Amino acid sequence: MPASLNEQELLQFIINQTKLDPKQIQLVLKHEKTFMDKAEQKGSREIDIDDVIDYIVGRPDVKLSELAVDTILETEMSFLMKNGLAGYMD
């Protein structure tokens, strides 16, 4: 995540949009970051969101459905795009 990202603001945005458990949202974001960091270390340029979701849902401490995890990640992307911090590749 970009350094200029206000993580507390992001978390609050996701909570407000999804109404999901804040602790689970934080876990999803933590595991997403771990996945992305590992992919970056391997030199991966393109990441399939389904692979990220499968990785997160497979963590023993995550108690959310695939749909809930996908919703969190999509809401995060909406926040990042709204704030000019990310965009989709063509």
PDB file of N, CA and C in Angstrom:
ATOM      1  N   MET A   1       0.837  -1.179   0.000  1.00  0.00           N
ATOM      2  CA  MET A   1       0.000   0.000   0.000  1.00  0.00           C
ATOM      3  C   MET A   1       0.880   1.240   0.000  1.00  0.00           C
ATOM      4  N   PRO A   2       0.479   2.225  -0.692  1.00  0.00           N
ATOM      5  CA  PRO A   2       1.277   3.450  -0.752  1.00  0.00           C
ATOM      6  C   PRO A   2       1.490   4.072   0.621  1.00  0.00           C
ATOM      7  N   ALA A   3       2.647   4.720   0.791  1.00  0.00           N
ATOM      8  CA  ALA A   3       2.985   5.327   2.075  1.00  0.00           C
ATOM      9  C   ALA A   3       2.022   6.442   2.449  1.00  0.00           C
ATOM     10  N   SER A   4       1.449   7.125   1.456  1.00  0.00           N
ATOM     11  CA  SER A   4       0.543   8.236   1.744  1.00  0.00           C
ATOM     12  C   SER A   4      -0.862   7.770   2.111  1.00  0.00           C
ATOM     13  N   LEU A   5      -1.069   6.476   2.125  1.00  0.00           N
ATOM     14  CA  LEU A   5      -2.369   5.921   2.466  1.00  0.00           C
ATOM     15  C   LEU A   5      -2.622   6.045   3.961  1.00  0.00           C
ATOM     16  N   ASN A   6      -3.764   6.589   4.317  1.00  0.00           N
ATOM     17  CA  ASN A   6      -4.175   6.645   5.710  1.00  0.00           C
ATOM     18  C   ASN A   6      -4.913   5.340   6.001  1.00  0.00           C
ATOM     19  N   GLU A   7      -4.216   4.414   6.647  1.00  0.00           N
ATOM     20  CA  GLU A   7      -4.778   3.085   6.872  1.00  0.00           C
ATOM     21  C   GLU A   7      -6.009   3.122   7.767  1.00  0.00           C
ATOM     22  N   GLN A   8      -6.048   4.034   8.719  1.00  0.00           N
ATOM     23  CA  GLN A   8      -7.213   4.151   9.599  1.00  0.00           C
ATOM     24  C   GLN A   8      -8.432   4.618   8.806  1.00  0.00           C
ATOM     25  N   GLU A   9      -8.208   5.553   7.898  1.00  0.00           N
ATOM     26  CA  GLU A   9      -9.289   6.045   7.044  1.00  0.00           C
ATOM     27  C   GLU A   9      -9.788   4.928   6.117  1.00  0.00           C
ATOM     28  N   LEU A  10      -8.854   4.150   5.573  1.00  0.00           N
ATOM     29  CA  LEU A  10      -9.214   3.011   4.732  1.00  0.00           C
ATOM     30  C   LEU A  10     -10.054   2.014   5.516  1.00  0.00           C
ATOM     31  N   LEU A  11      -9.596   1.662   6.707  1.00  0.00           N
ATOM     32  CA  LEU A  11     -10.323   0.708   7.537  1.00  0.00           C
ATOM     33  C   LEU A  11     -11.734   1.207   7.833  1.00  0.00           C
ATOM     34  N   GLN A  12     -11.858   2.455   8.208  1.00  0.00           N
ATOM     35  CA  GLN A  12     -13.173   3.018   8.522  1.00  0.00           C
ATOM     36  C   GLN A  12     -14.079   3.010   7.295  1.00  0.00           C
ATOM     37  N   PHE A  13     -13.518   3.306   6.136  1.00  0.00           N
ATOM     38  CA  PHE A  13     -14.284   3.282   4.888  1.00  0.00           C
ATOM     39  C   PHE A  13     -14.828   1.880   4.627  1.00  0.00           C
ATOM     40  N   ILE A  14     -13.975   0.868   4.782  1.00  0.00           N
ATOM     41  CA  ILE A  14     -14.397  -0.515   4.539  1.00  0.00           C
ATOM     42  C   ILE A  14     -15.448  -0.939   5.555  1.00  0.00           C
ATOM     43  N   ILE A  15     -15.259  -0.585   6.818  1.00  0.00           N
ATOM     44  CA  ILE A  15     -16.252  -0.909   7.855  1.00  0.00           C
ATOM     45  C   ILE A  15     -17.593  -0.285   7.501  1.00  0.00           C
ATOM     46  N   ASN A  16     -17.583   0.987   7.143  1.00  0.00           N
ATOM     47  CA  ASN A  16     -18.827   1.689   6.824  1.00  0.00           C
ATOM     48  C   ASN A  16     -19.528   1.094   5.611  1.00  0.00           C
ATOM     49  N   GLN A  17     -18.758   0.682   4.616  1.00  0.00           N
ATOM     50  CA  GLN A  17     -19.342   0.159   3.381  1.00  0.00           C
ATOM     51  C   GLN A  17     -19.823  -1.282   3.518  1.00  0.00           C
ATOM     52  N   THR A  18     -19.088  -2.095   4.282  1.00  0.00           N
ATOM     53  CA  THR A  18     -19.382  -3.533   4.326  1.00  0.00           C
ATOM     54  C   THR A  18     -20.126  -3.984   5.575  1.00  0.00           C
ATOM     55  N   LYS A  19     -19.994  -3.222   6.661  1.00  0.00           N
ATOM     56  CA  LYS A  19     -20.598  -3.587   7.956  1.00  0.00           C
ATOM     57  C   LYS A  19     -20.045  -4.906   8.505  1.00  0.00           C
ATOM     58  N   LEU A  20     -18.843  -5.278   8.076  1.00  0.00           N
ATOM     59  CA  LEU A  20     -18.214  -6.505   8.559  1.00  0.00           C
ATOM     60  C   LEU A  20     -17.380  -6.220   9.803  1.00  0.00           C
ATOM     61  N   ASP A  21     -16.986  -7.289  10.492  1.00  0.00           N
ATOM     62  CA  ASP A  21     -16.195  -7.208  11.718  1.00  0.00           C
ATOM     63  C   ASP A  21     -14.844  -6.525  11.444  1.00  0.00           C
ATOM     64  N   PRO A  22     -14.570  -5.424  12.142  1.00  0.00           N
ATOM     65  CA  PRO A  22     -13.308  -4.703  11.926  1.00  0.00           C
ATOM     66  C   PRO A  22     -12.062  -5.574  12.094  1.00  0.00           C
ATOM     67  N   LYS A  23     -12.083  -6.490  13.049  1.00  0.00           N
ATOM     68  CA  LYS A  23     -10.916  -7.355  13.264  1.00  0.00           C
ATOM     69  C   LYS A  23     -10.688  -8.269  12.057  1.00  0.00           C
ATOM     70  N   GLN A  24     -11.773  -8.773  11.483  1.00  0.00           N
ATOM     71  CA  GLN A  24     -11.647  -9.623  10.300  1.00  0.00           C
ATOM     72  C   GLN A  24     -11.176  -8.807   9.088  1.00  0.00           C
ATOM     73  N   ILE A  25     -11.668  -7.593   8.974  1.00  0.00           N
ATOM     74  CA  ILE A  25     -11.218  -6.717   7.883  1.00  0.00           C
ATOM     75  C   ILE A  25      -9.715  -6.480   8.001  1.00  0.00           C
ATOM     76  N   GLN A  26      -9.245  -6.202   9.200  1.00  0.00           N
ATOM     77  CA  GLN A  26      -7.810  -5.977   9.414  1.00  0.00           C
ATOM     78  C   GLN A  26      -7.005  -7.223   9.046  1.00  0.00           C
ATOM     79  N   LEU A  27      -7.526  -8.404   9.400  1.00  0.00           N
ATOM     80  CA  LEU A  27      -6.838  -9.648   9.044  1.00  0.00           C
ATOM     81  C   LEU A  27      -6.762  -9.818   7.530  1.00  0.00           C
ATOM     82  N   VAL A  28      -7.867  -9.541   6.850  1.00  0.00           N
ATOM     83  CA  VAL A  28      -7.887  -9.655   5.391  1.00  0.00           C
ATOM     84  C   VAL A  28      -6.836  -8.730   4.784  1.00  0.00           C
ATOM     85  N   LEU A  29      -6.787  -7.495   5.242  1.00  0.00           N
ATOM     86  CA  LEU A  29      -5.818  -6.535   4.706  1.00  0.00           C
ATOM     87  C   LEU A  29      -4.382  -6.958   5.020  1.00  0.00           C
ATOM     88  N   LYS A  30      -4.170  -7.510   6.211  1.00  0.00           N
ATOM     89  CA  LYS A  30      -2.835  -7.982   6.597  1.00  0.00           C
ATOM     90  C   LYS A  30      -2.395  -9.137   5.692  1.00  0.00           C
ATOM     91  N   HIS A  31      -3.296 -10.106   5.496  1.00  0.00           N
ATOM     92  CA  HIS A  31      -2.954 -11.260   4.660  1.00  0.00           C
ATOM     93  C   HIS A  31      -2.803 -10.863   3.190  1.00  0.00           C
ATOM     94  N   GLU A  32      -3.599  -9.897   2.748  1.00  0.00           N
ATOM     95  CA  GLU A  32      -3.450  -9.397   1.381  1.00  0.00           C
ATOM     96  C   GLU A  32      -2.056  -8.800   1.198  1.00  0.00           C
ATOM     97  N   LYS A  33      -1.616  -8.014   2.159  1.00  0.00           N
ATOM     98  CA  LYS A  33      -0.289  -7.389   2.084  1.00  0.00           C
ATOM     99  C   LYS A  33       0.803  -8.459   2.049  1.00  0.00           C
ATOM    100  N   THR A  34       0.667  -9.485   2.880  1.00  0.00           N
ATOM    101  CA  THR A  34       1.637 -10.581   2.893  1.00  0.00           C
ATOM    102  C   THR A  34       1.699 -11.257   1.527  1.00  0.00           C
ATOM    103  N   PHE A  35       0.521 -11.542   0.954  1.00  0.00           N
ATOM    104  CA  PHE A  35       0.457 -12.176  -0.363  1.00  0.00           C
ATOM    105  C   PHE A  35       1.144 -11.305  -1.411  1.00  0.00           C
ATOM    106  N   MET A  36       0.827 -10.020  -1.405  1.00  0.00           N
ATOM    107  CA  MET A  36       1.394  -9.093  -2.388  1.00  0.00           C
ATOM    108  C   MET A  36       2.908  -8.962  -2.220  1.00  0.00           C
ATOM    109  N   ASP A  37       3.367  -8.901  -0.972  1.00  0.00           N
ATOM    110  CA  ASP A  37       4.806  -8.802  -0.714  1.00  0.00           C
ATOM    111  C   ASP A  37       5.539 -10.034  -1.242  1.00  0.00           C
ATOM    112  N   LYS A  38       4.964 -11.228  -1.005  1.00  0.00           N
ATOM    113  CA  LYS A  38       5.584 -12.467  -1.493  1.00  0.00           C
ATOM    114  C   LYS A  38       5.603 -12.496  -3.015  1.00  0.00           C
ATOM    115  N   ALA A  39       4.505 -12.069  -3.631  1.00  0.00           N
ATOM    116  CA  ALA A  39       4.433 -12.045  -5.097  1.00  0.00           C
ATOM    117  C   ALA A  39       5.468 -11.079  -5.668  1.00  0.00           C
ATOM    118  N   GLU A  40       5.623  -9.943  -5.018  1.00  0.00           N
ATOM    119  CA  GLU A  40       6.599  -8.946  -5.473  1.00  0.00           C
ATOM    120  C   GLU A  40       8.018  -9.490  -5.365  1.00  0.00           C
ATOM    121  N   GLN A  41       8.305 -10.215  -4.273  1.00  0.00           N
ATOM    122  CA  GLN A  41       9.635 -10.797  -4.091  1.00  0.00           C
ATOM    123  C   GLN A  41       9.946 -11.818  -5.179  1.00  0.00           C
ATOM    124  N   LYS A  42       8.891 -12.503  -5.663  1.00  0.00           N
ATOM    125  CA  LYS A  42       9.062 -13.493  -6.732  1.00  0.00           C
ATOM    126  C   LYS A  42       9.104 -12.837  -8.105  1.00  0.00           C
ATOM    127  N   GLY A  43       8.876 -11.531  -8.145  1.00  0.00           N
ATOM    128  CA  GLY A  43       8.909 -10.817  -9.413  1.00  0.00           C
ATOM    129  C   GLY A  43       7.605 -10.844 -10.183  1.00  0.00           C
ATOM    130  N   SER A  44       6.519 -11.224  -9.539  1.00  0.00           N
ATOM    131  CA  SER A  44       5.215 -11.269 -10.212  1.00  0.00           C
ATOM    132  C   SER A  44       4.737  -9.867 -10.533  1.00  0.00           C
ATOM    133  N   ARG A  45       4.278  -9.676 -11.755  1.00  0.00           N
ATOM    134  CA  ARG A  45       3.759  -8.380 -12.194  1.00  0.00           C
ATOM    135  C   ARG A  45       2.236  -8.367 -12.178  1.00  0.00           C
ATOM    136  N   GLU A  46       1.639  -9.485 -12.569  1.00  0.00           N
ATOM    137  CA  GLU A  46       0.183  -9.574 -12.612  1.00  0.00           C
ATOM    138  C   GLU A  46      -0.281 -10.548 -11.545  1.00  0.00           C
ATOM    139  N   ILE A  47      -1.278 -10.119 -10.787  1.00  0.00           N
ATOM    140  CA  ILE A  47      -1.795 -10.943  -9.701  1.00  0.00           C
ATOM    141  C   ILE A  47      -3.281 -11.149  -9.929  1.00  0.00           C
ATOM    142  N   ASP A  48      -3.707 -12.404  -9.893  1.00  0.00           N
ATOM    143  CA  ASP A  48      -5.113 -12.758 -10.069  1.00  0.00           C
ATOM    144  C   ASP A  48      -5.822 -12.604  -8.723  1.00  0.00           C
ATOM    145  N   ILE A  49      -6.884 -11.818  -8.701  1.00  0.00           N
ATOM    146  CA  ILE A  49      -7.614 -11.564  -7.455  1.00  0.00           C
ATOM    147  C   ILE A  49      -8.137 -12.862  -6.844  1.00  0.00           C
ATOM    148  N   ASP A  50      -8.472 -13.843  -7.688  1.00  0.00           N
ATOM    149  CA  ASP A  50      -8.950 -15.126  -7.164  1.00  0.00           C
ATOM    150  C   ASP A  50      -7.866 -15.827  -6.356  1.00  0.00           C
ATOM    151  N   ASP A  51      -6.612 -15.697  -6.784  1.00  0.00           N
ATOM    152  CA  ASP A  51      -5.497 -16.280  -6.030  1.00  0.00           C
ATOM    153  C   ASP A  51      -5.344 -15.596  -4.674  1.00  0.00           C
ATOM    154  N   VAL A  52      -5.519 -14.289  -4.657  1.00  0.00           N
ATOM    155  CA  VAL A  52      -5.433 -13.536  -3.399  1.00  0.00           C
ATOM    156  C   VAL A  52      -6.552 -13.979  -2.458  1.00  0.00           C
ATOM    157  N   ILE A  53      -7.765 -14.074  -2.984  1.00  0.00           N
ATOM    158  CA  ILE A  53      -8.916 -14.478  -2.168  1.00  0.00           C
ATOM    159  C   ILE A  53      -8.711 -15.883  -1.624  1.00  0.00           C
ATOM    160  N   ASP A  54      -8.278 -16.821  -2.477  1.00  0.00           N
ATOM    161  CA  ASP A  54      -8.035 -18.195  -2.022  1.00  0.00           C
ATOM    162  C   ASP A  54      -6.990 -18.226  -0.914  1.00  0.00           C
ATOM    163  N   TYR A  55      -5.938 -17.447  -1.070  1.00  0.00           N
ATOM    164  CA  TYR A  55      -4.887 -17.381  -0.057  1.00  0.00           C
ATOM    165  C   TYR A  55      -5.457 -16.883   1.270  1.00  0.00           C
ATOM    166  N   ILE A  56      -6.226 -15.805   1.218  1.00  0.00           N
ATOM    167  CA  ILE A  56      -6.767 -15.202   2.441  1.00  0.00           C
ATOM    168  C   ILE A  56      -7.765 -16.135   3.116  1.00  0.00           C
ATOM    169  N   VAL A  57      -8.678 -16.709   2.337  1.00  0.00           N
ATOM    170  CA  VAL A  57      -9.691 -17.606   2.902  1.00  0.00           C
ATOM    171  C   VAL A  57      -9.024 -18.841   3.517  1.00  0.00           C
ATOM    172  N   GLY A  58      -7.870 -19.226   2.989  1.00  0.00           N
ATOM    173  CA  GLY A  58      -7.148 -20.383   3.501  1.00  0.00           C
ATOM    174  C   GLY A  58      -6.404 -20.146   4.804  1.00  0.00           C
ATOM    175  N   ARG A  59      -6.315 -18.901   5.260  1.00  0.00           N
ATOM    176  CA  ARG A  59      -5.649 -18.609   6.527  1.00  0.00           C
ATOM    177  C   ARG A  59      -6.566 -19.061   7.661  1.00  0.00           C
ATOM    178  N   PRO A  60      -6.017 -19.747   8.666  1.00  0.00           N
ATOM    179  CA  PRO A  60      -6.856 -20.284   9.743  1.00  0.00           C
ATOM    180  C   PRO A  60      -7.536 -19.224  10.613  1.00  0.00           C
ATOM    181  N   ASP A  61      -6.995 -18.022  10.660  1.00  0.00           N
ATOM    182  CA  ASP A  61      -7.590 -16.995  11.516  1.00  0.00           C
ATOM    183  C   ASP A  61      -8.675 -16.179  10.815  1.00  0.00           C
ATOM    184  N   VAL A  62      -8.869 -16.388   9.521  1.00  0.00           N
ATOM    185  CA  VAL A  62      -9.899 -15.658   8.776  1.00  0.00           C
ATOM    186  C   VAL A  62     -11.190 -16.468   8.815  1.00  0.00           C
ATOM    187  N   LYS A  63     -12.233 -15.860   9.346  1.00  0.00           N
ATOM    188  CA  LYS A  63     -13.525 -16.533   9.528  1.00  0.00           C
ATOM    189  C   LYS A  63     -14.596 -15.938   8.620  1.00  0.00           C
ATOM    190  N   LEU A  64     -14.214 -15.581   7.409  1.00  0.00           N
ATOM    191  CA  LEU A  64     -15.134 -14.964   6.461  1.00  0.00           C
ATOM    192  C   LEU A  64     -15.271 -15.833   5.218  1.00  0.00           C
ATOM    193  N   SER A  65     -16.376 -15.670   4.514  1.00  0.00           N
ATOM    194  CA  SER A  65     -16.595 -16.378   3.255  1.00  0.00           C
ATOM    195  C   SER A  65     -15.766 -15.742   2.141  1.00  0.00           C
ATOM    196  N   GLU A  66     -15.668 -16.458   1.031  1.00  0.00           N
ATOM    197  CA  GLU A  66     -14.983 -15.898  -0.139  1.00  0.00           C
ATOM    198  C   GLU A  66     -15.648 -14.606  -0.579  1.00  0.00           C
ATOM    199  N   LEU A  67     -16.971 -14.586  -0.539  1.00  0.00           N
ATOM    200  CA  LEU A  67     -17.710 -13.393  -0.953  1.00  0.00           C
ATOM    201  C   LEU A  67     -17.380 -12.202  -0.055  1.00  0.00           C
ATOM    202  N   ALA A  68     -17.301 -12.431   1.255  1.00  0.00           N
ATOM    203  CA  ALA A  68     -16.980 -11.343   2.183  1.00  0.00           C
ATOM    204  C   ALA A  68     -15.563 -10.823   1.939  1.00  0.00           C
ATOM    205  N   VAL A  69     -14.623 -11.731   1.714  1.00  0.00           N
ATOM    206  CA  VAL A  69     -13.241 -11.322   1.438  1.00  0.00           C
ATOM    207  C   VAL A  69     -13.185 -10.531   0.130  1.00  0.00           C
ATOM    208  N   ASP A  70     -13.878 -11.014  -0.891  1.00  0.00           N
ATOM    209  CA  ASP A  70     -13.930 -10.303  -2.168  1.00  0.00           C
ATOM    210  C   ASP A  70     -14.530  -8.912  -1.989  1.00  0.00           C
ATOM    211  N   THR A  71     -15.578  -8.814  -1.198  1.00  0.00           N
ATOM    212  CA  THR A  71     -16.218  -7.520  -0.940  1.00  0.00           C
ATOM    213  C   THR A  71     -15.244  -6.556  -0.270  1.00  0.00           C
ATOM    214  N   ILE A  72     -14.482  -7.043   0.694  1.00  0.00           N
ATOM    215  CA  ILE A  72     -13.484  -6.206   1.372  1.00  0.00           C
ATOM    216  C   ILE A  72     -12.442  -5.712   0.374  1.00  0.00           C
ATOM    217  N   LEU A  73     -11.938  -6.608  -0.458  1.00  0.00           N
ATOM    218  CA  LEU A  73     -10.898  -6.227  -1.419  1.00  0.00           C
ATOM    219  C   LEU A  73     -11.435  -5.261  -2.474  1.00  0.00           C
ATOM    220  N   GLU A  74     -12.655  -5.478  -2.922  1.00  0.00           N
ATOM    221  CA  GLU A  74     -13.265  -4.557  -3.901  1.00  0.00           C
ATOM    222  C   GLU A  74     -13.515  -3.186  -3.272  1.00  0.00           C
ATOM    223  N   THR A  75     -13.925  -3.178  -2.014  1.00  0.00           N
ATOM    224  CA  THR A  75     -14.153  -1.909  -1.313  1.00  0.00           C
ATOM    225  C   THR A  75     -12.835  -1.179  -1.102  1.00  0.00           C
ATOM    226  N   GLU A  76     -11.786  -1.930  -0.780  1.00  0.00           N
ATOM    227  CA  GLU A  76     -10.457  -1.326  -0.654  1.00  0.00           C
ATOM    228  C   GLU A  76     -10.048  -0.680  -1.978  1.00  0.00           C
ATOM    229  N   MET A  77     -10.256  -1.396  -3.082  1.00  0.00           N
ATOM    230  CA  MET A  77      -9.891  -0.856  -4.389  1.00  0.00           C
ATOM    231  C   MET A  77     -10.699   0.399  -4.704  1.00  0.00           C
ATOM    232  N   SER A  78     -11.966   0.407  -4.353  1.00  0.00           N
ATOM    233  CA  SER A  78     -12.802   1.601  -4.563  1.00  0.00           C
ATOM    234  C   SER A  78     -12.227   2.795  -3.813  1.00  0.00           C
ATOM    235  N   PHE A  79     -11.817   2.557  -2.578  1.00  0.00           N
ATOM    236  CA  PHE A  79     -11.213   3.616  -1.762  1.00  0.00           C
ATOM    237  C   PHE A  79      -9.929   4.131  -2.412  1.00  0.00           C
ATOM    238  N   LEU A  80      -9.076   3.203  -2.834  1.00  0.00           N
ATOM    239  CA  LEU A  80      -7.795   3.586  -3.428  1.00  0.00           C
ATOM    240  C   LEU A  80      -7.997   4.365  -4.725  1.00  0.00           C
ATOM    241  N   MET A  81      -8.939   3.921  -5.537  1.00  0.00           N
ATOM    242  CA  MET A  81      -9.210   4.619  -6.799  1.00  0.00           C
ATOM    243  C   MET A  81      -9.807   5.997  -6.538  1.00  0.00           C
ATOM    244  N   LYS A  82     -10.728   6.065  -5.591  1.00  0.00           N
ATOM    245  CA  LYS A  82     -11.372   7.333  -5.234  1.00  0.00           C
ATOM    246  C   LYS A  82     -10.341   8.367  -4.783  1.00  0.00           C
ATOM    247  N   ASN A  83      -9.292   7.882  -4.130  1.00  0.00           N
ATOM    248  CA  ASN A  83      -8.254   8.770  -3.602  1.00  0.00           C
ATOM    249  C   ASN A  83      -7.037   8.874  -4.521  1.00  0.00           C
ATOM    250  N   GLY A  84      -7.153   8.349  -5.733  1.00  0.00           N
ATOM    251  CA  GLY A  84      -6.076   8.466  -6.710  1.00  0.00           C
ATOM    252  C   GLY A  84      -4.833   7.663  -6.390  1.00  0.00           C
ATOM    253  N   LEU A  85      -4.990   6.599  -5.608  1.00  0.00           N
ATOM    254  CA  LEU A  85      -3.836   5.805  -5.196  1.00  0.00           C
ATOM    255  C   LEU A  85      -3.691   4.513  -5.989  1.00  0.00           C
ATOM    256  N   ALA A  86      -4.698   4.182  -6.817  1.00  0.00           N
ATOM    257  CA  ALA A  86      -4.658   2.940  -7.600  1.00  0.00           C
ATOM    258  C   ALA A  86      -5.605   3.052  -8.774  1.00  0.00           C
ATOM    259  N   GLY A  87      -5.464   2.096  -9.679  1.00  0.00           N
ATOM    260  CA  GLY A  87      -6.355   1.998 -10.831  1.00  0.00           C
ATOM    261  C   GLY A  87      -6.223   0.614 -11.431  1.00  0.00           C
ATOM    262  N   TYR A  88      -7.165   0.248 -12.274  1.00  0.00           N
ATOM    263  CA  TYR A  88      -7.116  -1.053 -12.941  1.00  0.00           C
ATOM    264  C   TYR A  88      -6.253  -0.953 -14.189  1.00  0.00           C
ATOM    265  N   MET A  89      -5.536  -2.046 -14.487  1.00  0.00           N
ATOM    266  CA  MET A  89      -4.729  -2.103 -15.704  1.00  0.00           C
ATOM    267  C   MET A  89      -5.622  -2.534 -16.855  1.00  0.00           C
ATOM    268  N   ASP A  90      -5.362  -1.991 -18.030  1.00  0.00           N
ATOM    269  CA  ASP A  90      -6.131  -2.380 -19.225  1.00  0.00           C
ATOM    270  C   ASP A  90      -5.663  -3.700 -19.764  1.00  0.00           C
TER     271      ASP A  90
END
